[in-house]
Amino acid sequence: MSGSLHLLCGKIAAGKSTLAKRLAGETGGMVIAEDAWLSTLYPGEIASLADYRRASERLRIAIAPLIVDMVRRGQAVILDFPANAVASRAWMKGLADAAGVTATLHFLDPPDEACRARMHARNASGEHPYQVDDATFDQFTAHFAAPRADEGFAIIRYG
């Protein structure tokens, strides 16, 4: 009995975490959210892209066996980590392969202006663990790579 692995691809404030919660309700699955883990493990320590990469890599190494085990045991896992770069998706594909499933990649693709508006509203609400400014949005967006069909995922695109 194998579970399922759901991945989320989209720029900052594209709606990934909102979709993750919805998917959890629909599948009965568990959401594993990178932002929640990083803000708890590294409070106030992530101030740059380099800081994020360092902390994220440590978390990925630690949590990978848990994710694979959960899926192998029949659990639906919604991985709320940004699948925004080929290297990140390759790591996620490795998890799916180790668990013996084809991961579903949910690609959220709203226009940048919509993401920025959501980002500003999210910042104003104070409910998100990270405050992101326009320069940071631009920096992360410069590294964004849309998923390709040949990466080995079942892709669902949201406009």
N, C-alpha and C. Protein backbone atom coordinates (compact mmCIF):
# COMPACT_ATOMS: atom_id res chain seq x y z
N MET A 1 0.86 -1.17 0.00
CA MET A 1 0.00 0.00 0.00
C MET A 1 0.89 1.22 0.00
N SER A 2 0.79 2.04 -1.03
CA SER A 2 1.59 3.26 -1.06
C SER A 2 0.68 4.47 -1.02
N GLY A 3 1.22 5.53 -0.48
CA GLY A 3 0.49 6.78 -0.38
C GLY A 3 0.71 7.62 -1.61
N SER A 4 0.72 8.90 -1.40
CA SER A 4 0.93 9.83 -2.50
C SER A 4 1.78 11.00 -2.03
N LEU A 5 2.44 11.62 -2.99
CA LEU A 5 3.29 12.77 -2.70
C LEU A 5 2.85 13.92 -3.60
N HIS A 6 2.46 15.03 -2.97
CA HIS A 6 2.01 16.23 -3.69
C HIS A 6 3.05 17.32 -3.48
N LEU A 7 3.48 17.94 -4.57
CA LEU A 7 4.51 18.98 -4.56
C LEU A 7 3.91 20.28 -5.06
N LEU A 8 4.50 21.40 -4.63
CA LEU A 8 3.96 22.71 -4.97
C LEU A 8 5.02 23.58 -5.64
N CYS A 9 4.68 24.09 -6.80
CA CYS A 9 5.58 24.96 -7.55
C CYS A 9 4.86 26.27 -7.80
N GLY A 10 5.52 27.37 -7.46
CA GLY A 10 4.94 28.69 -7.68
C GLY A 10 5.80 29.73 -7.01
N LYS A 11 5.77 30.91 -7.53
CA LYS A 11 6.57 32.01 -6.98
C LYS A 11 6.07 32.38 -5.58
N ILE A 12 6.81 33.25 -4.93
CA ILE A 12 6.41 33.72 -3.60
C ILE A 12 4.99 34.27 -3.67
N ALA A 13 4.15 33.84 -2.73
CA ALA A 13 2.75 34.29 -2.59
C ALA A 13 1.86 33.88 -3.77
N ALA A 14 2.23 32.82 -4.45
CA ALA A 14 1.40 32.31 -5.55
C ALA A 14 0.18 31.56 -5.02
N GLY A 15 0.22 31.17 -3.76
CA GLY A 15 -0.90 30.43 -3.17
C GLY A 15 -0.55 28.99 -2.81
N LYS A 16 0.73 28.68 -2.71
CA LYS A 16 1.17 27.31 -2.44
C LYS A 16 0.66 26.79 -1.10
N SER A 17 0.82 27.57 -0.04
CA SER A 17 0.39 27.10 1.28
C SER A 17 -1.12 26.97 1.38
N THR A 18 -1.83 27.87 0.73
CA THR A 18 -3.30 27.78 0.71
C THR A 18 -3.72 26.50 -0.01
N LEU A 19 -3.10 26.21 -1.14
CA LEU A 19 -3.42 24.98 -1.86
C LEU A 19 -3.02 23.76 -1.03
N ALA A 20 -1.90 23.82 -0.33
CA ALA A 20 -1.47 22.69 0.50
C ALA A 20 -2.54 22.33 1.53
N LYS A 21 -3.10 23.34 2.17
CA LYS A 21 -4.15 23.10 3.16
C LYS A 21 -5.38 22.48 2.51
N ARG A 22 -5.73 22.97 1.33
CA ARG A 22 -6.88 22.42 0.62
C ARG A 22 -6.64 20.95 0.24
N LEU A 23 -5.44 20.66 -0.26
CA LEU A 23 -5.10 19.29 -0.63
C LEU A 23 -5.13 18.36 0.58
N ALA A 24 -4.68 18.86 1.72
CA ALA A 24 -4.71 18.05 2.94
C ALA A 24 -6.15 17.67 3.28
N GLY A 25 -7.05 18.62 3.14
CA GLY A 25 -8.46 18.34 3.41
C GLY A 25 -9.05 17.35 2.43
N GLU A 26 -8.67 17.47 1.16
CA GLU A 26 -9.21 16.59 0.13
C GLU A 26 -8.66 15.17 0.22
N THR A 27 -7.39 15.03 0.62
CA THR A 27 -6.73 13.73 0.61
C THR A 27 -6.65 13.08 1.98
N GLY A 28 -6.90 13.87 3.03
CA GLY A 28 -6.66 13.37 4.38
C GLY A 28 -5.17 13.32 4.69
N GLY A 29 -4.38 14.01 3.89
CA GLY A 29 -2.93 13.96 4.01
C GLY A 29 -2.36 14.92 5.03
N MET A 30 -1.07 14.81 5.18
CA MET A 30 -0.31 15.65 6.11
C MET A 30 0.49 16.69 5.32
N VAL A 31 0.43 17.93 5.77
CA VAL A 31 1.23 18.99 5.17
C VAL A 31 2.54 19.10 5.94
N ILE A 32 3.64 19.08 5.21
CA ILE A 32 4.95 19.36 5.79
C ILE A 32 5.39 20.67 5.14
N ALA A 33 5.43 21.74 5.95
CA ALA A 33 5.64 23.10 5.43
C ALA A 33 7.04 23.60 5.79
N GLU A 34 7.83 23.85 4.77
CA GLU A 34 9.20 24.32 4.98
C GLU A 34 9.25 25.60 5.79
N ASP A 35 8.42 26.59 5.48
CA ASP A 35 8.48 27.86 6.20
C ASP A 35 8.28 27.67 7.70
N ALA A 36 7.35 26.80 8.08
CA ALA A 36 7.10 26.56 9.51
C ALA A 36 8.31 25.91 10.17
N TRP A 37 8.89 24.93 9.51
CA TRP A 37 10.07 24.26 10.07
C TRP A 37 11.26 25.23 10.16
N LEU A 38 11.53 25.96 9.08
CA LEU A 38 12.70 26.85 9.07
C LEU A 38 12.56 27.98 10.08
N SER A 39 11.37 28.55 10.19
CA SER A 39 11.19 29.66 11.13
C SER A 39 11.31 29.18 12.58
N THR A 40 11.02 27.91 12.83
CA THR A 40 11.16 27.35 14.17
C THR A 40 12.60 26.94 14.45
N LEU A 41 13.24 26.28 13.49
CA LEU A 41 14.61 25.80 13.69
C LEU A 41 15.66 26.91 13.61
N TYR A 42 15.42 27.93 12.80
CA TYR A 42 16.40 28.99 12.55
C TYR A 42 15.77 30.37 12.74
N PRO A 43 15.20 30.65 13.91
CA PRO A 43 14.53 31.95 14.10
C PRO A 43 15.49 33.12 13.94
N GLY A 44 15.12 34.04 13.06
CA GLY A 44 15.92 35.24 12.83
C GLY A 44 17.24 35.00 12.12
N GLU A 45 17.49 33.79 11.64
CA GLU A 45 18.79 33.46 11.02
C GLU A 45 18.75 33.48 9.49
N ILE A 46 17.58 33.60 8.89
CA ILE A 46 17.50 33.54 7.44
C ILE A 46 17.22 34.95 6.92
N ALA A 47 18.30 35.59 6.47
CA ALA A 47 18.20 36.97 6.00
C ALA A 47 18.60 37.13 4.54
N SER A 48 19.04 36.04 3.91
CA SER A 48 19.50 36.12 2.52
C SER A 48 19.20 34.80 1.81
N LEU A 49 19.36 34.81 0.51
CA LEU A 49 19.18 33.59 -0.28
C LEU A 49 20.19 32.52 0.16
N ALA A 50 21.40 32.92 0.45
CA ALA A 50 22.43 31.97 0.91
C ALA A 50 22.02 31.35 2.25
N ASP A 51 21.49 32.16 3.17
CA ASP A 51 21.01 31.63 4.46
C ASP A 51 19.90 30.62 4.23
N TYR A 52 18.97 30.97 3.35
CA TYR A 52 17.85 30.07 3.05
C TYR A 52 18.37 28.75 2.49
N ARG A 53 19.27 28.81 1.53
CA ARG A 53 19.79 27.58 0.91
C ARG A 53 20.46 26.68 1.95
N ARG A 54 21.25 27.26 2.83
CA ARG A 54 21.95 26.49 3.86
C ARG A 54 20.95 25.81 4.79
N ALA A 55 20.00 26.58 5.29
CA ALA A 55 19.03 26.03 6.24
C ALA A 55 18.11 25.00 5.56
N SER A 56 17.68 25.29 4.35
CA SER A 56 16.80 24.39 3.63
C SER A 56 17.49 23.06 3.35
N GLU A 57 18.74 23.10 2.97
CA GLU A 57 19.49 21.86 2.70
C GLU A 57 19.59 21.00 3.95
N ARG A 58 19.86 21.61 5.08
CA ARG A 58 19.91 20.85 6.34
C ARG A 58 18.57 20.20 6.65
N LEU A 59 17.50 20.97 6.47
CA LEU A 59 16.17 20.44 6.74
C LEU A 59 15.84 19.29 5.79
N ARG A 60 16.17 19.44 4.53
CA ARG A 60 15.87 18.40 3.54
C ARG A 60 16.58 17.09 3.87
N ILE A 61 17.83 17.18 4.28
CA ILE A 61 18.58 15.97 4.64
C ILE A 61 17.92 15.29 5.84
N ALA A 62 17.50 16.07 6.82
CA ALA A 62 16.92 15.51 8.03
C ALA A 62 15.54 14.91 7.80
N ILE A 63 14.74 15.54 6.96
CA ILE A 63 13.33 15.16 6.84
C ILE A 63 13.05 14.15 5.73
N ALA A 64 13.97 13.98 4.80
CA ALA A 64 13.74 13.08 3.65
C ALA A 64 13.33 11.67 4.07
N PRO A 65 14.03 11.02 5.02
CA PRO A 65 13.61 9.66 5.37
C PRO A 65 12.19 9.59 5.93
N LEU A 66 11.78 10.60 6.67
CA LEU A 66 10.43 10.65 7.22
C LEU A 66 9.39 10.73 6.10
N ILE A 67 9.63 11.58 5.12
CA ILE A 67 8.70 11.74 4.00
C ILE A 67 8.55 10.43 3.24
N VAL A 68 9.67 9.80 2.92
CA VAL A 68 9.63 8.53 2.17
C VAL A 68 8.88 7.48 2.97
N ASP A 69 9.16 7.38 4.26
CA ASP A 69 8.51 6.39 5.11
C ASP A 69 7.00 6.63 5.19
N MET A 70 6.60 7.88 5.33
CA MET A 70 5.17 8.19 5.40
C MET A 70 4.45 7.75 4.12
N VAL A 71 5.02 8.06 2.97
CA VAL A 71 4.39 7.70 1.70
C VAL A 71 4.36 6.19 1.54
N ARG A 72 5.45 5.52 1.86
CA ARG A 72 5.49 4.06 1.76
C ARG A 72 4.43 3.41 2.65
N ARG A 73 4.11 4.03 3.77
CA ARG A 73 3.12 3.48 4.71
C ARG A 73 1.68 3.85 4.35
N GLY A 74 1.51 4.51 3.19
CA GLY A 74 0.17 4.78 2.70
C GLY A 74 -0.35 6.18 2.97
N GLN A 75 0.46 7.04 3.51
CA GLN A 75 0.05 8.40 3.84
C GLN A 75 0.15 9.31 2.61
N ALA A 76 -0.79 10.20 2.47
CA ALA A 76 -0.66 11.28 1.49
C ALA A 76 0.17 12.37 2.16
N VAL A 77 1.23 12.81 1.49
CA VAL A 77 2.08 13.88 2.01
C VAL A 77 2.02 15.04 1.04
N ILE A 78 1.72 16.21 1.58
CA ILE A 78 1.72 17.43 0.80
C ILE A 78 2.95 18.20 1.23
N LEU A 79 3.93 18.25 0.36
CA LEU A 79 5.21 18.85 0.68
C LEU A 79 5.18 20.33 0.30
N ASP A 80 4.96 21.18 1.29
CA ASP A 80 4.89 22.63 1.07
C ASP A 80 6.30 23.21 1.15
N PHE A 81 7.13 22.74 0.22
CA PHE A 81 8.47 23.25 -0.03
C PHE A 81 8.41 23.78 -1.46
N PRO A 82 9.08 24.87 -1.78
CA PRO A 82 8.97 25.38 -3.15
C PRO A 82 9.69 24.47 -4.16
N ALA A 83 8.93 23.92 -5.09
CA ALA A 83 9.49 23.11 -6.17
C ALA A 83 9.76 24.04 -7.35
N ASN A 84 10.55 25.08 -7.09
CA ASN A 84 10.70 26.20 -8.03
C ASN A 84 11.96 26.16 -8.87
N ALA A 85 12.82 25.20 -8.63
CA ALA A 85 14.06 25.09 -9.39
C ALA A 85 14.26 23.63 -9.76
N VAL A 86 14.97 23.38 -10.83
CA VAL A 86 15.20 22.03 -11.30
C VAL A 86 15.86 21.19 -10.20
N ALA A 87 16.83 21.75 -9.50
CA ALA A 87 17.53 21.00 -8.45
C ALA A 87 16.58 20.63 -7.30
N SER A 88 15.71 21.53 -6.92
CA SER A 88 14.73 21.22 -5.86
C SER A 88 13.80 20.11 -6.31
N ARG A 89 13.36 20.20 -7.55
CA ARG A 89 12.45 19.17 -8.05
C ARG A 89 13.16 17.83 -8.19
N ALA A 90 14.45 17.84 -8.50
CA ALA A 90 15.21 16.59 -8.59
C ALA A 90 15.25 15.91 -7.22
N TRP A 91 15.44 16.70 -6.16
CA TRP A 91 15.42 16.14 -4.80
C TRP A 91 14.05 15.53 -4.52
N MET A 92 13.00 16.24 -4.87
CA MET A 92 11.65 15.76 -4.64
C MET A 92 11.35 14.51 -5.47
N LYS A 93 11.84 14.47 -6.70
CA LYS A 93 11.67 13.29 -7.56
C LYS A 93 12.36 12.10 -6.91
N GLY A 94 13.52 12.32 -6.30
CA GLY A 94 14.21 11.26 -5.59
C GLY A 94 13.38 10.71 -4.44
N LEU A 95 12.67 11.58 -3.74
CA LEU A 95 11.78 11.13 -2.66
C LEU A 95 10.68 10.23 -3.22
N ALA A 96 10.06 10.69 -4.30
CA ALA A 96 8.98 9.92 -4.93
C ALA A 96 9.50 8.56 -5.40
N ASP A 97 10.66 8.57 -6.05
CA ASP A 97 11.24 7.32 -6.54
C ASP A 97 11.52 6.36 -5.38
N ALA A 98 12.08 6.88 -4.30
CA ALA A 98 12.40 6.04 -3.13
C ALA A 98 11.13 5.48 -2.50
N ALA A 99 10.04 6.23 -2.58
CA ALA A 99 8.77 5.78 -2.02
C ALA A 99 7.97 4.91 -3.00
N GLY A 100 8.41 4.87 -4.25
CA GLY A 100 7.73 4.04 -5.25
C GLY A 100 6.45 4.64 -5.80
N VAL A 101 6.39 5.98 -5.88
CA VAL A 101 5.20 6.66 -6.41
C VAL A 101 5.61 7.69 -7.47
N THR A 102 4.63 8.10 -8.26
CA THR A 102 4.81 9.25 -9.14
C THR A 102 4.22 10.44 -8.42
N ALA A 103 5.03 11.44 -8.16
CA ALA A 103 4.55 12.62 -7.44
C ALA A 103 3.68 13.48 -8.35
N THR A 104 2.69 14.12 -7.74
CA THR A 104 1.87 15.09 -8.44
C THR A 104 2.44 16.47 -8.14
N LEU A 105 2.79 17.19 -9.19
CA LEU A 105 3.35 18.53 -9.06
C LEU A 105 2.25 19.54 -9.38
N HIS A 106 1.85 20.31 -8.39
CA HIS A 106 0.82 21.34 -8.54
C HIS A 106 1.54 22.65 -8.87
N PHE A 107 1.37 23.13 -10.10
CA PHE A 107 2.06 24.32 -10.59
C PHE A 107 1.12 25.51 -10.57
N LEU A 108 1.34 26.42 -9.63
CA LEU A 108 0.55 27.64 -9.52
C LEU A 108 1.25 28.73 -10.31
N ASP A 109 0.55 29.31 -11.28
CA ASP A 109 1.19 30.22 -12.22
C ASP A 109 0.43 31.54 -12.39
N PRO A 110 0.14 32.23 -11.27
CA PRO A 110 -0.49 33.55 -11.43
C PRO A 110 0.55 34.57 -11.90
N PRO A 111 0.09 35.70 -12.45
CA PRO A 111 1.04 36.75 -12.87
C PRO A 111 1.82 37.30 -11.67
N ASP A 112 3.01 37.79 -11.94
CA ASP A 112 3.85 38.36 -10.88
C ASP A 112 3.12 39.45 -10.11
N GLU A 113 2.31 40.27 -10.80
CA GLU A 113 1.61 41.36 -10.13
C GLU A 113 0.65 40.81 -9.06
N ALA A 114 0.00 39.70 -9.36
CA ALA A 114 -0.91 39.09 -8.38
C ALA A 114 -0.13 38.55 -7.19
N CYS A 115 1.02 37.94 -7.46
CA CYS A 115 1.87 37.43 -6.36
C CYS A 115 2.35 38.58 -5.48
N ARG A 116 2.78 39.66 -6.10
CA ARG A 116 3.25 40.82 -5.32
C ARG A 116 2.13 41.38 -4.45
N ALA A 117 0.93 41.48 -5.01
CA ALA A 117 -0.20 42.01 -4.24
C ALA A 117 -0.49 41.11 -3.04
N ARG A 118 -0.49 39.79 -3.26
CA ARG A 118 -0.71 38.86 -2.16
C ARG A 118 0.42 38.95 -1.13
N MET A 119 1.64 39.11 -1.61
CA MET A 119 2.80 39.22 -0.73
C MET A 119 2.66 40.44 0.18
N HIS A 120 2.27 41.58 -0.40
CA HIS A 120 2.11 42.80 0.39
C HIS A 120 0.98 42.63 1.41
N ALA A 121 -0.11 42.00 1.01
CA ALA A 121 -1.22 41.75 1.94
C ALA A 121 -0.80 40.80 3.05
N ARG A 122 -0.05 39.78 2.69
CA ARG A 122 0.45 38.81 3.67
C ARG A 122 1.38 39.49 4.66
N ASN A 123 2.27 40.35 4.15
CA ASN A 123 3.17 41.09 5.03
C ASN A 123 2.37 41.96 6.00
N ALA A 124 1.36 42.63 5.49
CA ALA A 124 0.56 43.54 6.32
C ALA A 124 -0.22 42.78 7.40
N SER A 125 -0.61 41.54 7.10
CA SER A 125 -1.37 40.76 8.08
C SER A 125 -0.51 40.29 9.24
N GLY A 126 0.79 40.13 8.99
CA GLY A 126 1.71 39.66 10.04
C GLY A 126 1.54 38.19 10.38
N GLU A 127 0.75 37.46 9.61
CA GLU A 127 0.47 36.06 9.92
C GLU A 127 1.49 35.08 9.37
N HIS A 128 2.31 35.50 8.43
CA HIS A 128 3.30 34.62 7.82
C HIS A 128 4.62 34.76 8.58
N PRO A 129 5.39 33.66 8.72
CA PRO A 129 6.64 33.75 9.49
C PRO A 129 7.72 34.62 8.85
N TYR A 130 7.59 34.91 7.56
CA TYR A 130 8.61 35.72 6.88
C TYR A 130 7.97 36.94 6.22
N GLN A 131 8.61 38.07 6.36
CA GLN A 131 8.22 39.29 5.66
C GLN A 131 9.12 39.39 4.43
N VAL A 132 8.53 39.52 3.26
CA VAL A 132 9.28 39.54 2.01
C VAL A 132 9.07 40.87 1.33
N ASP A 133 10.18 41.52 0.94
CA ASP A 133 10.06 42.80 0.22
C ASP A 133 10.18 42.55 -1.29
N ASP A 134 9.98 43.60 -2.07
CA ASP A 134 10.01 43.47 -3.53
C ASP A 134 11.37 43.01 -4.04
N ALA A 135 12.45 43.47 -3.43
CA ALA A 135 13.79 43.07 -3.87
C ALA A 135 13.99 41.56 -3.65
N THR A 136 13.52 41.06 -2.53
CA THR A 136 13.64 39.62 -2.25
C THR A 136 12.77 38.82 -3.22
N PHE A 137 11.57 39.32 -3.48
CA PHE A 137 10.71 38.67 -4.47
C PHE A 137 11.45 38.56 -5.80
N ASP A 138 12.05 39.67 -6.24
CA ASP A 138 12.78 39.68 -7.51
C ASP A 138 13.96 38.71 -7.49
N GLN A 139 14.67 38.66 -6.36
CA GLN A 139 15.83 37.78 -6.24
C GLN A 139 15.42 36.31 -6.35
N PHE A 140 14.37 35.93 -5.64
CA PHE A 140 13.91 34.55 -5.70
C PHE A 140 13.30 34.22 -7.06
N THR A 141 12.57 35.17 -7.63
CA THR A 141 11.93 34.95 -8.93
C THR A 141 12.97 34.75 -10.03
N ALA A 142 14.13 35.38 -9.91
CA ALA A 142 15.20 35.22 -10.90
C ALA A 142 15.67 33.77 -10.98
N HIS A 143 15.48 33.01 -9.92
CA HIS A 143 15.91 31.61 -9.89
C HIS A 143 14.78 30.63 -10.19
N PHE A 144 13.59 31.16 -10.46
CA PHE A 144 12.42 30.32 -10.73
C PHE A 144 12.53 29.66 -12.10
N ALA A 145 12.23 28.37 -12.16
CA ALA A 145 12.18 27.64 -13.43
C ALA A 145 10.88 26.86 -13.47
N ALA A 146 10.04 27.15 -14.44
CA ALA A 146 8.77 26.43 -14.58
C ALA A 146 9.05 24.95 -14.83
N PRO A 147 8.19 24.08 -14.32
CA PRO A 147 8.40 22.64 -14.53
C PRO A 147 8.21 22.25 -15.99
N ARG A 148 8.91 21.18 -16.35
CA ARG A 148 8.83 20.64 -17.71
C ARG A 148 8.24 19.24 -17.66
N ALA A 149 7.59 18.85 -18.71
CA ALA A 149 6.95 17.53 -18.77
C ALA A 149 7.94 16.39 -18.63
N ASP A 150 9.19 16.59 -19.05
CA ASP A 150 10.18 15.51 -19.01
C ASP A 150 10.83 15.30 -17.64
N GLU A 151 10.35 16.02 -16.61
CA GLU A 151 10.93 15.86 -15.27
C GLU A 151 10.35 14.67 -14.51
N GLY A 152 9.30 14.06 -15.02
CA GLY A 152 8.80 12.83 -14.44
C GLY A 152 7.69 12.99 -13.40
N PHE A 153 6.98 14.09 -13.44
CA PHE A 153 5.88 14.32 -12.51
C PHE A 153 4.54 14.30 -13.25
N ALA A 154 3.48 14.05 -12.52
CA ALA A 154 2.13 14.29 -13.03
C ALA A 154 1.86 15.77 -12.69
N ILE A 155 1.78 16.63 -13.69
CA ILE A 155 1.69 18.06 -13.46
C ILE A 155 0.25 18.54 -13.61
N ILE A 156 -0.21 19.29 -12.61
CA ILE A 156 -1.50 19.96 -12.66
C ILE A 156 -1.19 21.46 -12.61
N ARG A 157 -1.66 22.20 -13.60
CA ARG A 157 -1.37 23.62 -13.67
C ARG A 157 -2.59 24.44 -13.27
N TYR A 158 -2.33 25.47 -12.46
CA TYR A 158 -3.37 26.40 -12.02
C TYR A 158 -2.98 27.77 -12.56
N GLY A 159 -3.90 28.44 -13.29
CA GLY A 159 -3.60 29.71 -13.92
C GLY A 159 -3.58 30.89 -13.01
